[in-house]
């Protein structure tokens, strides 16, 4: 089965950090997906603690790139807001509630990516037939 360009770009971001010829859209998607995957597997605090501060900031910028500013704000609050920063059952529940209210699954991020990919295809690197992603 041959994947379409959107699927190839998504996979390249998820599996190869955006690829060898990554452009702004590729990097934003790769950064957002890295943290989003960790959130989906273990919650917001887990994700923030599993990656460094710079990676959280890059992910926040990636979410903003795709118009998901509220997710960027959740990530920043968990890093810096004294009421959410400390990891407890209550703060984990609140951070997850805020995040999942906007992005309960991959569908929301995928839809935003697809819209940007349609509107600004030059923001993403070319699909290389020699790419290891199939």
Protein backbone atom coordinates (compact mmCIF):
# COMPACT_ATOMS: atom_id res chain seq x y z
CA UNK A 1 0.00 0.00 0.00
CA UNK A 2 1.43 3.33 -1.04
CA UNK A 3 0.97 6.16 1.45
CA UNK A 4 -0.10 9.63 0.35
CA UNK A 5 2.10 12.67 0.90
CA UNK A 6 0.36 13.68 4.16
CA UNK A 7 0.92 10.24 5.67
CA UNK A 8 4.55 10.24 4.56
CA UNK A 9 5.18 13.65 6.11
CA UNK A 10 3.40 12.64 9.34
CA UNK A 11 5.41 9.40 9.56
CA UNK A 12 8.64 11.22 8.78
CA UNK A 13 7.94 13.64 11.64
CA UNK A 14 7.00 10.86 14.04
CA UNK A 15 9.80 8.46 13.18
CA UNK A 16 12.62 10.58 11.80
CA UNK A 17 12.34 13.97 13.53
CA UNK A 18 11.09 15.59 10.34
CA UNK A 19 13.64 14.05 8.03
CA UNK A 20 16.88 15.14 6.40
CA UNK A 21 15.36 18.13 4.60
CA UNK A 22 13.05 19.26 7.39
CA UNK A 23 11.38 22.62 6.99
CA UNK A 24 9.40 24.66 9.52
CA UNK A 25 6.28 22.50 9.28
CA UNK A 26 8.24 19.27 9.59
CA UNK A 27 10.09 20.50 12.67
CA UNK A 28 6.91 21.83 14.30
CA UNK A 29 5.13 18.54 13.72
CA UNK A 30 8.06 16.44 14.94
CA UNK A 31 8.41 18.55 18.10
CA UNK A 32 4.69 18.44 18.86
CA UNK A 33 4.39 14.71 18.18
CA UNK A 34 7.30 13.85 20.45
CA UNK A 35 5.59 15.35 23.49
CA UNK A 36 2.05 14.47 22.39
CA UNK A 37 2.98 10.79 22.21
CA UNK A 38 4.38 10.90 25.73
CA UNK A 39 1.25 12.66 27.00
CA UNK A 40 -0.98 10.04 25.41
CA UNK A 41 1.07 7.26 27.01
CA UNK A 42 1.74 8.64 30.47
CA UNK A 43 0.14 12.03 31.01
CA UNK A 44 1.30 15.63 30.84
CA UNK A 45 3.66 15.57 33.82
CA UNK A 46 5.28 12.39 32.57
CA UNK A 47 5.89 14.02 29.18
CA UNK A 48 7.31 17.21 30.66
CA UNK A 49 9.65 15.28 32.92
CA UNK A 50 10.69 12.77 30.25
CA UNK A 51 12.04 15.46 27.92
CA UNK A 52 14.14 18.50 28.68
CA UNK A 53 12.87 22.04 29.07
CA UNK A 54 14.04 22.98 25.59
CA UNK A 55 12.08 20.08 24.07
CA UNK A 56 8.95 21.17 25.91
CA UNK A 57 9.42 24.70 24.61
CA UNK A 58 9.96 23.36 21.08
CA UNK A 59 6.80 21.25 21.40
CA UNK A 60 4.85 24.29 22.66
CA UNK A 61 6.05 26.26 19.63
CA UNK A 62 5.09 23.32 17.41
CA UNK A 63 1.56 23.26 18.80
CA UNK A 64 1.30 27.01 18.29
CA UNK A 65 2.43 26.56 14.69
CA UNK A 66 -0.61 24.35 14.16
CA UNK A 67 -2.97 26.76 15.94
CA UNK A 68 -3.10 24.83 19.21
CA UNK A 69 -2.02 27.64 21.51
CA UNK A 70 -4.03 26.27 24.41
CA UNK A 71 -1.92 23.09 24.38
CA UNK A 72 1.24 25.20 24.33
CA UNK A 73 -0.07 27.07 27.35
CA UNK A 74 -0.78 23.84 29.25
CA UNK A 75 2.78 22.64 28.67
CA UNK A 76 4.23 25.96 29.79
CA UNK A 77 2.01 26.07 32.87
CA UNK A 78 3.10 22.60 33.93
CA UNK A 79 6.71 23.75 33.66
CA UNK A 80 6.37 27.10 35.40
CA UNK A 81 3.08 27.55 37.29
CA UNK A 82 3.61 26.70 40.97
CA UNK A 83 0.03 25.36 41.14
CA UNK A 84 0.63 22.79 38.39
CA UNK A 85 4.39 22.26 38.37
CA UNK A 86 4.58 19.92 41.35
CA UNK A 87 3.55 16.44 40.33
CA UNK A 88 0.73 15.07 42.46
CA UNK A 89 -2.45 13.18 41.72
CA UNK A 90 -4.42 16.44 41.75
CA UNK A 91 -2.04 18.39 39.50
CA UNK A 92 -1.69 15.46 37.11
CA UNK A 93 -5.45 15.17 36.86
CA UNK A 94 -5.80 18.93 36.21
CA UNK A 95 -3.01 19.06 33.62
CA UNK A 96 -4.41 16.03 31.80
CA UNK A 97 -7.93 17.46 31.90
CA UNK A 98 -6.71 20.73 30.35
CA UNK A 99 -4.71 18.94 27.67
CA UNK A 100 -7.25 16.26 26.80
CA UNK A 101 -10.09 18.80 26.65
CA UNK A 102 -8.38 20.13 23.52
CA UNK A 103 -6.56 17.03 22.23
CA UNK A 104 -8.16 13.84 23.49
CA UNK A 105 -6.46 11.83 20.74
CA UNK A 106 -4.31 12.23 17.61
CA UNK A 107 -7.27 13.36 15.52
CA UNK A 108 -7.16 17.02 16.54
CA UNK A 109 -3.48 17.40 15.81
CA UNK A 110 -3.83 15.41 12.58
CA UNK A 111 -6.64 17.69 11.40
CA UNK A 112 -4.59 20.82 12.12
CA UNK A 113 -1.57 19.33 10.37
CA UNK A 114 -3.64 18.41 7.32
CA UNK A 115 -5.02 21.96 7.09
CA UNK A 116 -1.57 23.53 7.26
CA UNK A 117 -0.21 20.94 4.83
CA UNK A 118 -2.98 21.86 2.37
CA UNK A 119 -2.57 25.62 2.84
CA UNK A 120 1.23 25.81 3.05
CA UNK A 121 2.78 22.74 1.42
CA UNK A 122 6.13 24.49 0.96
CA UNK A 123 6.49 24.56 4.76
CA UNK A 124 7.24 20.83 4.54
CA UNK A 125 10.24 19.16 2.97
CA UNK A 126 9.94 17.24 -0.27
CA UNK A 127 8.89 13.63 -0.30
CA UNK A 128 12.05 11.74 -1.17
CA UNK A 129 11.60 8.41 -2.91
CA UNK A 130 14.77 7.26 -1.15
CA UNK A 131 13.17 7.95 2.25
CA UNK A 132 13.30 4.98 4.61
CA UNK A 133 9.63 5.50 5.51
CA UNK A 134 7.25 3.26 3.60
